[in-house]
PDB file of N, CA and C in Angstrom:
ATOM      1  N   MET A   1       0.858  -1.162   0.000  1.00  0.00           N
ATOM      2  CA  MET A   1       0.000   0.000   0.000  1.00  0.00           C
ATOM      3  C   MET A   1       0.907   1.229   0.000  1.00  0.00           C
ATOM      4  N   ALA A   2       0.964   1.951  -1.093  1.00  0.00           N
ATOM      5  CA  ALA A   2       1.840   3.108  -1.215  1.00  0.00           C
ATOM      6  C   ALA A   2       1.106   4.371  -0.776  1.00  0.00           C
ATOM      7  N   ILE A   3       1.846   5.227  -0.116  1.00  0.00           N
ATOM      8  CA  ILE A   3       1.287   6.505   0.328  1.00  0.00           C
ATOM      9  C   ILE A   3       1.838   7.577  -0.590  1.00  0.00           C
ATOM     10  N   SER A   4       0.965   8.396  -1.106  1.00  0.00           N
ATOM     11  CA  SER A   4       1.406   9.404  -2.057  1.00  0.00           C
ATOM     12  C   SER A   4       2.294  10.436  -1.367  1.00  0.00           C
ATOM     13  N   PRO A   5       3.265  10.983  -2.108  1.00  0.00           N
ATOM     14  CA  PRO A   5       4.165  11.982  -1.515  1.00  0.00           C
ATOM     15  C   PRO A   5       3.420  13.219  -1.017  1.00  0.00           C
ATOM     16  N   LEU A   6       2.348  13.588  -1.686  1.00  0.00           N
ATOM     17  CA  LEU A   6       1.572  14.747  -1.261  1.00  0.00           C
ATOM     18  C   LEU A   6       0.916  14.498   0.091  1.00  0.00           C
ATOM     19  N   ALA A   7       0.379  13.304   0.293  1.00  0.00           N
ATOM     20  CA  ALA A   7      -0.251  12.960   1.568  1.00  0.00           C
ATOM     21  C   ALA A   7       0.784  12.913   2.673  1.00  0.00           C
ATOM     22  N   LEU A   8       1.949  12.362   2.364  1.00  0.00           N
ATOM     23  CA  LEU A   8       3.013  12.285   3.362  1.00  0.00           C
ATOM     24  C   LEU A   8       3.499  13.675   3.736  1.00  0.00           C
ATOM     25  N   LYS A   9       3.610  14.558   2.764  1.00  0.00           N
ATOM     26  CA  LYS A   9       4.036  15.940   3.018  1.00  0.00           C
ATOM     27  C   LYS A   9       2.999  16.649   3.898  1.00  0.00           C
ATOM     28  N   ALA A  10       1.724  16.460   3.610  1.00  0.00           N
ATOM     29  CA  ALA A  10       0.668  17.078   4.409  1.00  0.00           C
ATOM     30  C   ALA A  10       0.707  16.551   5.839  1.00  0.00           C
ATOM     31  N   TYR A  11       0.946  15.259   5.969  1.00  0.00           N
ATOM     32  CA  TYR A  11       1.017  14.643   7.300  1.00  0.00           C
ATOM     33  C   TYR A  11       2.203  15.204   8.088  1.00  0.00           C
ATOM     34  N   THR A  12       3.360  15.298   7.458  1.00  0.00           N
ATOM     35  CA  THR A  12       4.534  15.823   8.161  1.00  0.00           C
ATOM     36  C   THR A  12       4.357  17.295   8.503  1.00  0.00           C
ATOM     37  N   ASN A  13       3.715  18.061   7.641  1.00  0.00           N
ATOM     38  CA  ASN A  13       3.438  19.464   7.951  1.00  0.00           C
ATOM     39  C   ASN A  13       2.506  19.595   9.142  1.00  0.00           C
ATOM     40  N   ALA A  14       1.500  18.735   9.208  1.00  0.00           N
ATOM     41  CA  ALA A  14       0.565  18.777  10.334  1.00  0.00           C
ATOM     42  C   ALA A  14       1.270  18.400  11.636  1.00  0.00           C
ATOM     43  N   ILE A  15       2.138  17.408  11.583  1.00  0.00           N
ATOM     44  CA  ILE A  15       2.892  17.007  12.770  1.00  0.00           C
ATOM     45  C   ILE A  15       3.806  18.144  13.217  1.00  0.00           C
ATOM     46  N   GLN A  16       4.479  18.782  12.278  1.00  0.00           N
ATOM     47  CA  GLN A  16       5.375  19.890  12.618  1.00  0.00           C
ATOM     48  C   GLN A  16       4.595  21.054  13.221  1.00  0.00           C
ATOM     49  N   ALA A  17       3.436  21.363  12.664  1.00  0.00           N
ATOM     50  CA  ALA A  17       2.613  22.443  13.215  1.00  0.00           C
ATOM     51  C   ALA A  17       2.166  22.102  14.630  1.00  0.00           C
ATOM     52  N   SER A  18       1.840  20.851  14.849  1.00  0.00           N
ATOM     53  CA  SER A  18       1.443  20.407  16.185  1.00  0.00           C
ATOM     54  C   SER A  18       2.603  20.533  17.161  1.00  0.00           C
ATOM     55  N   LYS A  19       3.791  20.169  16.724  1.00  0.00           N
ATOM     56  CA  LYS A  19       4.973  20.297  17.580  1.00  0.00           C
ATOM     57  C   LYS A  19       5.248  21.759  17.914  1.00  0.00           C
ATOM     58  N   ASN A  20       5.077  22.635  16.924  1.00  0.00           N
ATOM     59  CA  ASN A  20       5.296  24.058  17.158  1.00  0.00           C
ATOM     60  C   ASN A  20       4.329  24.596  18.200  1.00  0.00           C
ATOM     61  N   LEU A  21       3.072  24.148  18.137  1.00  0.00           N
ATOM     62  CA  LEU A  21       2.096  24.575  19.137  1.00  0.00           C
ATOM     63  C   LEU A  21       2.471  24.053  20.515  1.00  0.00           C
ATOM     64  N   ASP A  22       2.942  22.812  20.563  1.00  0.00           N
ATOM     65  CA  ASP A  22       3.364  22.235  21.840  1.00  0.00           C
ATOM     66  C   ASP A  22       4.539  22.997  22.427  1.00  0.00           C
ATOM     67  N   ILE A  23       5.466  23.406  21.562  1.00  0.00           N
ATOM     68  CA  ILE A  23       6.631  24.162  22.033  1.00  0.00           C
ATOM     69  C   ILE A  23       6.186  25.504  22.600  1.00  0.00           C
ATOM     70  N   GLN A  24       5.260  26.161  21.920  1.00  0.00           N
ATOM     71  CA  GLN A  24       4.754  27.442  22.412  1.00  0.00           C
ATOM     72  C   GLN A  24       4.044  27.274  23.742  1.00  0.00           C
ATOM     73  N   LYS A  25       3.271  26.212  23.872  1.00  0.00           N
ATOM     74  CA  LYS A  25       2.563  25.967  25.134  1.00  0.00           C
ATOM     75  C   LYS A  25       3.540  25.641  26.252  1.00  0.00           C
ATOM     76  N   SER A  26       4.573  24.865  25.929  1.00  0.00           N
ATOM     77  CA  SER A  26       5.518  24.464  26.968  1.00  0.00           C
ATOM     78  C   SER A  26       6.341  25.648  27.453  1.00  0.00           C
ATOM     79  N   LYS A  27       6.521  26.648  26.620  1.00  0.00           N
ATOM     80  CA  LYS A  27       7.225  27.845  27.057  1.00  0.00           C
ATOM     81  C   LYS A  27       6.403  28.600  28.099  1.00  0.00           C
ATOM     82  N   LYS A  28       5.093  28.532  27.957  1.00  0.00           N
ATOM     83  CA  LYS A  28       4.215  29.226  28.893  1.00  0.00           C
ATOM     84  C   LYS A  28       4.058  28.459  30.196  1.00  0.00           C
ATOM     85  N   GLU A  29       4.092  27.155  30.133  1.00  0.00           N
ATOM     86  CA  GLU A  29       3.895  26.323  31.315  1.00  0.00           C
ATOM     87  C   GLU A  29       4.720  25.056  31.182  1.00  0.00           C
ATOM     88  N   HIS A  30       5.105  24.502  32.289  1.00  0.00           N
ATOM     89  CA  HIS A  30       5.814  23.232  32.248  1.00  0.00           C
ATOM     90  C   HIS A  30       4.793  22.140  32.017  1.00  0.00           C
ATOM     91  N   LYS A  31       5.014  21.400  30.967  1.00  0.00           N
ATOM     92  CA  LYS A  31       4.053  20.376  30.579  1.00  0.00           C
ATOM     93  C   LYS A  31       4.684  19.002  30.741  1.00  0.00           C
ATOM     94  N   THR A  32       3.952  18.111  31.346  1.00  0.00           N
ATOM     95  CA  THR A  32       4.413  16.733  31.405  1.00  0.00           C
ATOM     96  C   THR A  32       3.876  16.016  30.184  1.00  0.00           C
ATOM     97  N   TYR A  33       4.734  15.304  29.510  1.00  0.00           N
ATOM     98  CA  TYR A  33       4.346  14.635  28.285  1.00  0.00           C
ATOM     99  C   TYR A  33       3.791  13.250  28.592  1.00  0.00           C
ATOM    100  N   ASP A  34       2.879  12.822  27.733  1.00  0.00           N
ATOM    101  CA  ASP A  34       2.286  11.500  27.864  1.00  0.00           C
ATOM    102  C   ASP A  34       3.324  10.436  27.522  1.00  0.00           C
ATOM    103  N   SER A  35       3.105   9.270  28.016  1.00  0.00           N
ATOM    104  CA  SER A  35       3.986   8.158  27.677  1.00  0.00           C
ATOM    105  C   SER A  35       3.726   7.740  26.232  1.00  0.00           C
ATOM    106  N   PHE A  36       4.613   6.929  25.707  1.00  0.00           N
ATOM    107  CA  PHE A  36       4.457   6.439  24.342  1.00  0.00           C
ATOM    108  C   PHE A  36       3.164   5.652  24.197  1.00  0.00           C
ATOM    109  N   THR A  37       2.857   4.869  25.212  1.00  0.00           N
ATOM    110  CA  THR A  37       1.636   4.059  25.186  1.00  0.00           C
ATOM    111  C   THR A  37       0.398   4.942  25.124  1.00  0.00           C
ATOM    112  N   ASP A  38       0.371   6.008  25.930  1.00  0.00           N
ATOM    113  CA  ASP A  38      -0.775   6.915  25.918  1.00  0.00           C
ATOM    114  C   ASP A  38      -0.914   7.616  24.574  1.00  0.00           C
ATOM    115  N   THR A  39       0.208   8.040  24.011  1.00  0.00           N
ATOM    116  CA  THR A  39       0.187   8.703  22.710  1.00  0.00           C
ATOM    117  C   THR A  39      -0.324   7.754  21.637  1.00  0.00           C
ATOM    118  N   LEU A  40       0.133   6.512  21.690  1.00  0.00           N
ATOM    119  CA  LEU A  40      -0.308   5.516  20.721  1.00  0.00           C
ATOM    120  C   LEU A  40      -1.800   5.238  20.859  1.00  0.00           C
ATOM    121  N   LYS A  41      -2.273   5.115  22.094  1.00  0.00           N
ATOM    122  CA  LYS A  41      -3.699   4.877  22.326  1.00  0.00           C
ATOM    123  C   LYS A  41      -4.547   6.036  21.808  1.00  0.00           C
ATOM    124  N   LYS A  42      -4.101   7.262  22.067  1.00  0.00           N
ATOM    125  CA  LYS A  42      -4.852   8.435  21.595  1.00  0.00           C
ATOM    126  C   LYS A  42      -4.899   8.476  20.073  1.00  0.00           C
ATOM    127  N   SER A  43      -3.775   8.169  19.436  1.00  0.00           N
ATOM    128  CA  SER A  43      -3.736   8.174  17.974  1.00  0.00           C
ATOM    129  C   SER A  43      -4.667   7.120  17.393  1.00  0.00           C
ATOM    130  N   LEU A  44      -4.635   5.933  17.962  1.00  0.00           N
ATOM    131  CA  LEU A  44      -5.517   4.877  17.468  1.00  0.00           C
ATOM    132  C   LEU A  44      -6.986   5.201  17.734  1.00  0.00           C
ATOM    133  N   GLN A  45      -7.259   5.876  18.838  1.00  0.00           N
ATOM    134  CA  GLN A  45      -8.632   6.285  19.131  1.00  0.00           C
ATOM    135  C   GLN A  45      -9.118   7.305  18.101  1.00  0.00           C
ATOM    136  N   LYS A  46      -8.236   8.223  17.684  1.00  0.00           N
ATOM    137  CA  LYS A  46      -8.612   9.200  16.658  1.00  0.00           C
ATOM    138  C   LYS A  46      -8.917   8.508  15.333  1.00  0.00           C
ATOM    139  N   VAL A  47      -8.097   7.518  14.980  1.00  0.00           N
ATOM    140  CA  VAL A  47      -8.336   6.768  13.745  1.00  0.00           C
ATOM    141  C   VAL A  47      -9.668   6.029  13.838  1.00  0.00           C
ATOM    142  N   ASN A  48      -9.926   5.421  14.983  1.00  0.00           N
ATOM    143  CA  ASN A  48     -11.195   4.719  15.191  1.00  0.00           C
ATOM    144  C   ASN A  48     -12.375   5.680  15.095  1.00  0.00           C
ATOM    145  N   ASP A  49     -12.232   6.867  15.684  1.00  0.00           N
ATOM    146  CA  ASP A  49     -13.307   7.862  15.612  1.00  0.00           C
ATOM    147  C   ASP A  49     -13.586   8.275  14.166  1.00  0.00           C
ATOM    148  N   LEU A  50     -12.518   8.433  13.378  1.00  0.00           N
ATOM    149  CA  LEU A  50     -12.704   8.787  11.970  1.00  0.00           C
ATOM    150  C   LEU A  50     -13.412   7.666  11.214  1.00  0.00           C
ATOM    151  N   GLN A  51     -13.078   6.426  11.531  1.00  0.00           N
ATOM    152  CA  GLN A  51     -13.740   5.295  10.875  1.00  0.00           C
ATOM    153  C   GLN A  51     -15.227   5.239  11.256  1.00  0.00           C
ATOM    154  N   GLU A  52     -15.534   5.493  12.519  1.00  0.00           N
ATOM    155  CA  GLU A  52     -16.931   5.508  12.948  1.00  0.00           C
ATOM    156  C   GLU A  52     -17.696   6.650  12.284  1.00  0.00           C
ATOM    157  N   GLN A  53     -17.060   7.817  12.195  1.00  0.00           N
ATOM    158  CA  GLN A  53     -17.701   8.958  11.535  1.00  0.00           C
ATOM    159  C   GLN A  53     -17.961   8.628  10.066  1.00  0.00           C
ATOM    160  N   ARG A  54     -17.019   7.949   9.429  1.00  0.00           N
ATOM    161  CA  ARG A  54     -17.177   7.549   8.025  1.00  0.00           C
ATOM    162  C   ARG A  54     -18.382   6.627   7.878  1.00  0.00           C
ATOM    163  N   ASN A  55     -18.481   5.649   8.771  1.00  0.00           N
ATOM    164  CA  ASN A  55     -19.612   4.718   8.702  1.00  0.00           C
ATOM    165  C   ASN A  55     -20.947   5.429   8.906  1.00  0.00           C
ATOM    166  N   GLU A  56     -20.991   6.357   9.854  1.00  0.00           N
ATOM    167  CA  GLU A  56     -22.226   7.112  10.095  1.00  0.00           C
ATOM    168  C   GLU A  56     -22.608   7.952   8.885  1.00  0.00           C
ATOM    169  N   MET A  57     -21.602   8.586   8.250  1.00  0.00           N
ATOM    170  CA  MET A  57     -21.885   9.402   7.067  1.00  0.00           C
ATOM    171  C   MET A  57     -22.404   8.543   5.918  1.00  0.00           C
ATOM    172  N   ILE A  58     -21.829   7.371   5.726  1.00  0.00           N
ATOM    173  CA  ILE A  58     -22.278   6.481   4.653  1.00  0.00           C
ATOM    174  C   ILE A  58     -23.710   6.043   4.903  1.00  0.00           C
ATOM    175  N   GLU A  59     -24.002   5.667   6.142  1.00  0.00           N
ATOM    176  CA  GLU A  59     -25.363   5.225   6.468  1.00  0.00           C
ATOM    177  C   GLU A  59     -26.380   6.349   6.289  1.00  0.00           C
ATOM    178  N   SER A  60     -26.044   7.555   6.735  1.00  0.00           N
ATOM    179  CA  SER A  60     -26.993   8.662   6.604  1.00  0.00           C
ATOM    180  C   SER A  60     -27.178   9.061   5.144  1.00  0.00           C
ATOM    181  N   PHE A  61     -26.112   8.951   4.346  1.00  0.00           N
ATOM    182  CA  PHE A  61     -26.229   9.264   2.927  1.00  0.00           C
ATOM    183  C   PHE A  61     -27.074   8.210   2.217  1.00  0.00           C
ATOM    184  N   ALA A  62     -26.845   6.940   2.566  1.00  0.00           N
ATOM    185  CA  ALA A  62     -27.609   5.854   1.937  1.00  0.00           C
ATOM    186  C   ALA A  62     -29.080   5.917   2.330  1.00  0.00           C
ATOM    187  N   ALA A  63     -29.356   6.395   3.539  1.00  0.00           N
ATOM    188  CA  ALA A  63     -30.740   6.496   3.996  1.00  0.00           C
ATOM    189  C   ALA A  63     -31.428   7.741   3.440  1.00  0.00           C
ATOM    190  N   GLY A  64     -30.674   8.615   2.796  1.00  0.00           N
ATOM    191  CA  GLY A  64     -31.253   9.823   2.215  1.00  0.00           C
ATOM    192  C   GLY A  64     -31.389  10.971   3.201  1.00  0.00           C
ATOM    193  N   GLU A  65     -30.807  10.825   4.379  1.00  0.00           N
ATOM    194  CA  GLU A  65     -30.908  11.890   5.383  1.00  0.00           C
ATOM    195  C   GLU A  65     -30.064  13.103   4.994  1.00  0.00           C
ATOM    196  N   LYS A  66     -28.889  12.843   4.431  1.00  0.00           N
ATOM    197  CA  LYS A  66     -27.993  13.931   4.019  1.00  0.00           C
ATOM    198  C   LYS A  66     -27.700  13.780   2.542  1.00  0.00           C
ATOM    199  N   GLN A  67     -27.652  14.888   1.837  1.00  0.00           N
ATOM    200  CA  GLN A  67     -27.414  14.869   0.406  1.00  0.00           C
ATOM    201  C   GLN A  67     -26.086  15.513   0.026  1.00  0.00           C
ATOM    202  N   ASN A  68     -25.271  15.879   1.026  1.00  0.00           N
ATOM    203  CA  ASN A  68     -24.024  16.572   0.757  1.00  0.00           C
ATOM    204  C   ASN A  68     -22.926  15.574   0.385  1.00  0.00           C
ATOM    205  N   VAL A  69     -22.690  15.427  -0.906  1.00  0.00           N
ATOM    206  CA  VAL A  69     -21.709  14.475  -1.406  1.00  0.00           C
ATOM    207  C   VAL A  69     -20.290  14.941  -1.081  1.00  0.00           C
ATOM    208  N   HIS A  70     -20.054  16.255  -1.119  1.00  0.00           N
ATOM    209  CA  HIS A  70     -18.722  16.786  -0.844  1.00  0.00           C
ATOM    210  C   HIS A  70     -18.274  16.441   0.575  1.00  0.00           C
ATOM    211  N   GLU A  71     -19.163  16.635   1.512  1.00  0.00           N
ATOM    212  CA  GLU A  71     -18.850  16.333   2.905  1.00  0.00           C
ATOM    213  C   GLU A  71     -18.581  14.834   3.085  1.00  0.00           C
ATOM    214  N   LEU A  72     -19.355  14.025   2.416  1.00  0.00           N
ATOM    215  CA  LEU A  72     -19.172  12.578   2.475  1.00  0.00           C
ATOM    216  C   LEU A  72     -17.806  12.187   1.920  1.00  0.00           C
ATOM    217  N   MET A  73     -17.436  12.734   0.787  1.00  0.00           N
ATOM    218  CA  MET A  73     -16.157  12.396   0.168  1.00  0.00           C
ATOM    219  C   MET A  73     -14.981  12.862   1.022  1.00  0.00           C
ATOM    220  N   ILE A  74     -15.095  14.016   1.633  1.00  0.00           N
ATOM    221  CA  ILE A  74     -14.029  14.513   2.506  1.00  0.00           C
ATOM    222  C   ILE A  74     -13.864  13.588   3.703  1.00  0.00           C
ATOM    223  N   THR A  75     -14.964  13.162   4.285  1.00  0.00           N
ATOM    224  CA  THR A  75     -14.910  12.244   5.424  1.00  0.00           C
ATOM    225  C   THR A  75     -14.299  10.908   5.014  1.00  0.00           C
ATOM    226  N   LEU A  76     -14.666  10.408   3.842  1.00  0.00           N
ATOM    227  CA  LEU A  76     -14.095   9.155   3.350  1.00  0.00           C
ATOM    228  C   LEU A  76     -12.589   9.272   3.146  1.00  0.00           C
ATOM    229  N   GLN A  77     -12.151  10.390   2.593  1.00  0.00           N
ATOM    230  CA  GLN A  77     -10.723  10.591   2.357  1.00  0.00           C
ATOM    231  C   GLN A  77      -9.949  10.712   3.672  1.00  0.00           C
ATOM    232  N   LYS A  78     -10.516  11.438   4.635  1.00  0.00           N
ATOM    233  CA  LYS A  78      -9.854  11.574   5.939  1.00  0.00           C
ATOM    234  C   LYS A  78      -9.685  10.216   6.603  1.00  0.00           C
ATOM    235  N   ALA A  79     -10.738   9.427   6.606  1.00  0.00           N
ATOM    236  CA  ALA A  79     -10.682   8.113   7.237  1.00  0.00           C
ATOM    237  C   ALA A  79      -9.717   7.190   6.496  1.00  0.00           C
ATOM    238  N   GLY A  80      -9.732   7.245   5.188  1.00  0.00           N
ATOM    239  CA  GLY A  80      -8.825   6.411   4.399  1.00  0.00           C
ATOM    240  C   GLY A  80      -7.368   6.775   4.604  1.00  0.00           C
ATOM    241  N   LEU A  81      -7.085   8.076   4.633  1.00  0.00           N
ATOM    242  CA  LEU A  81      -5.717   8.531   4.842  1.00  0.00           C
ATOM    243  C   LEU A  81      -5.227   8.169   6.238  1.00  0.00           C
ATOM    244  N   ALA A  82      -6.096   8.319   7.228  1.00  0.00           N
ATOM    245  CA  ALA A  82      -5.718   7.954   8.595  1.00  0.00           C
ATOM    246  C   ALA A  82      -5.405   6.469   8.686  1.00  0.00           C
ATOM    247  N   MET A  83      -6.184   5.651   8.012  1.00  0.00           N
ATOM    248  CA  MET A  83      -5.948   4.205   8.036  1.00  0.00           C
ATOM    249  C   MET A  83      -4.660   3.852   7.295  1.00  0.00           C
ATOM    250  N   GLN A  84      -4.386   4.528   6.185  1.00  0.00           N
ATOM    251  CA  GLN A  84      -3.146   4.279   5.448  1.00  0.00           C
ATOM    252  C   GLN A  84      -1.928   4.655   6.293  1.00  0.00           C
ATOM    253  N   MET A  85      -2.010   5.777   6.978  1.00  0.00           N
ATOM    254  CA  MET A  85      -0.900   6.207   7.830  1.00  0.00           C
ATOM    255  C   MET A  85      -0.694   5.222   8.983  1.00  0.00           C
ATOM    256  N   THR A  86      -1.775   4.754   9.553  1.00  0.00           N
ATOM    257  CA  THR A  86      -1.679   3.788  10.644  1.00  0.00           C
ATOM    258  C   THR A  86      -1.037   2.497  10.151  1.00  0.00           C
ATOM    259  N   ALA A  87      -1.435   2.043   8.983  1.00  0.00           N
ATOM    260  CA  ALA A  87      -0.848   0.823   8.419  1.00  0.00           C
ATOM    261  C   ALA A  87       0.631   1.030   8.109  1.00  0.00           C
ATOM    262  N   ALA A  88       0.993   2.202   7.606  1.00  0.00           N
ATOM    263  CA  ALA A  88       2.396   2.484   7.295  1.00  0.00           C
ATOM    264  C   ALA A  88       3.241   2.487   8.561  1.00  0.00           C
ATOM    265  N   VAL A  89       2.730   3.095   9.619  1.00  0.00           N
ATOM    266  CA  VAL A  89       3.468   3.114  10.888  1.00  0.00           C
ATOM    267  C   VAL A  89       3.592   1.698  11.439  1.00  0.00           C
ATOM    268  N   ARG A  90       2.511   0.943  11.381  1.00  0.00           N
ATOM    269  CA  ARG A  90       2.553  -0.453  11.850  1.00  0.00           C
ATOM    270  C   ARG A  90       3.591  -1.254  11.086  1.00  0.00           C
ATOM    271  N   ASN A  91       3.631  -1.088   9.775  1.00  0.00           N
ATOM    272  CA  ASN A  91       4.595  -1.825   8.960  1.00  0.00           C
ATOM    273  C   ASN A  91       6.031  -1.452   9.319  1.00  0.00           C
ATOM    274  N   LYS A  92       6.283  -0.180   9.548  1.00  0.00           N
ATOM    275  CA  LYS A  92       7.631   0.263   9.927  1.00  0.00           C
ATOM    276  C   LYS A  92       8.021  -0.287  11.290  1.00  0.00           C
ATOM    277  N   VAL A  93       7.090  -0.319  12.217  1.00  0.00           N
ATOM    278  CA  VAL A  93       7.374  -0.863  13.546  1.00  0.00           C
ATOM    279  C   VAL A  93       7.678  -2.353  13.440  1.00  0.00           C
ATOM    280  N   LEU A  94       6.915  -3.083  12.628  1.00  0.00           N
ATOM    281  CA  LEU A  94       7.166  -4.510  12.447  1.00  0.00           C
ATOM    282  C   LEU A  94       8.519  -4.760  11.781  1.00  0.00           C
ATOM    283  N   GLU A  95       8.876  -3.929  10.810  1.00  0.00           N
ATOM    284  CA  GLU A  95      10.181  -4.059  10.171  1.00  0.00           C
ATOM    285  C   GLU A  95      11.298  -3.830  11.186  1.00  0.00           C
ATOM    286  N   ALA A  96      11.138  -2.818  12.020  1.00  0.00           N
ATOM    287  CA  ALA A  96      12.146  -2.529  13.039  1.00  0.00           C
ATOM    288  C   ALA A  96      12.246  -3.679  14.032  1.00  0.00           C
ATOM    289  N   TYR A  97      11.117  -4.234  14.420  1.00  0.00           N
ATOM    290  CA  TYR A  97      11.111  -5.372  15.342  1.00  0.00           C
ATOM    291  C   TYR A  97      11.831  -6.572  14.734  1.00  0.00           C
ATOM    292  N   LYS A  98      11.532  -6.864  13.478  1.00  0.00           N
ATOM    293  CA  LYS A  98      12.185  -7.977  12.805  1.00  0.00           C
ATOM    294  C   LYS A  98      13.688  -7.759  12.712  1.00  0.00           C
ATOM    295  N   GLU A  99      14.082  -6.533  12.441  1.00  0.00           N
ATOM    296  CA  GLU A  99      15.511  -6.205  12.372  1.00  0.00           C
ATOM    297  C   GLU A  99      16.183  -6.401  13.718  1.00  0.00           C
ATOM    298  N   LEU A 100      15.508  -6.003  14.789  1.00  0.00           N
ATOM    299  CA  LEU A 100      16.055  -6.206  16.129  1.00  0.00           C
ATOM    300  C   LEU A 100      16.174  -7.698  16.451  1.00  0.00           C
ATOM    301  N   MET A 101      15.225  -8.478  15.979  1.00  0.00           N
ATOM    302  CA  MET A 101      15.267  -9.913  16.240  1.00  0.00           C
ATOM    303  C   MET A 101      16.428 -10.578  15.490  1.00  0.00           C
ATOM    304  N   ARG A 102      16.856 -10.015  14.373  1.00  0.00           N
ATOM    305  CA  ARG A 102      17.955 -10.563  13.593  1.00  0.00           C
ATOM    306  C   ARG A 102      19.319 -10.256  14.213  1.00  0.00           C
ATOM    307  N   ILE A 103      19.373  -9.222  15.044  1.00  0.00           N
ATOM    308  CA  ILE A 103      20.640  -8.835  15.656  1.00  0.00           C
ATOM    309  C   ILE A 103      21.082  -9.911  16.644  1.00  0.00           C
ATOM    310  N   GLN A 104      22.337 -10.309  16.520  1.00  0.00           N
ATOM    311  CA  GLN A 104      22.876 -11.307  17.436  1.00  0.00           C
ATOM    312  C   GLN A 104      23.819 -10.621  18.408  1.00  0.00           C
ATOM    313  N   PHE A 105      23.664 -10.950  19.677  1.00  0.00           N
ATOM    314  CA  PHE A 105      24.513 -10.340  20.703  1.00  0.00           C
ATOM    315  C   PHE A 105      25.664 -11.237  21.049  1.00  0.00           C
TER     316      PHE A 105
END
């Protein structure tokens, strides 16, 4: 599953903007950062929320409740991109794990 360079660039820009906001906030107050596990759980929860929102939009569109195709397509793209990014991160983590398992001490 290939991720387009444009999507990857948008993702990295969003991460950088988020980091910049965190840096500005941390200058104002001392912030304790979440553990890796908490960060991972929050990220997966966001992906799950996007998938649920996608399902709700599809159902409401199919039932004729909403006729806004643009909004539906945007939601589908957001959920799809989030899932692609999650799969890409998972694949990289598995590759790193396999590489660590190959190392002999």
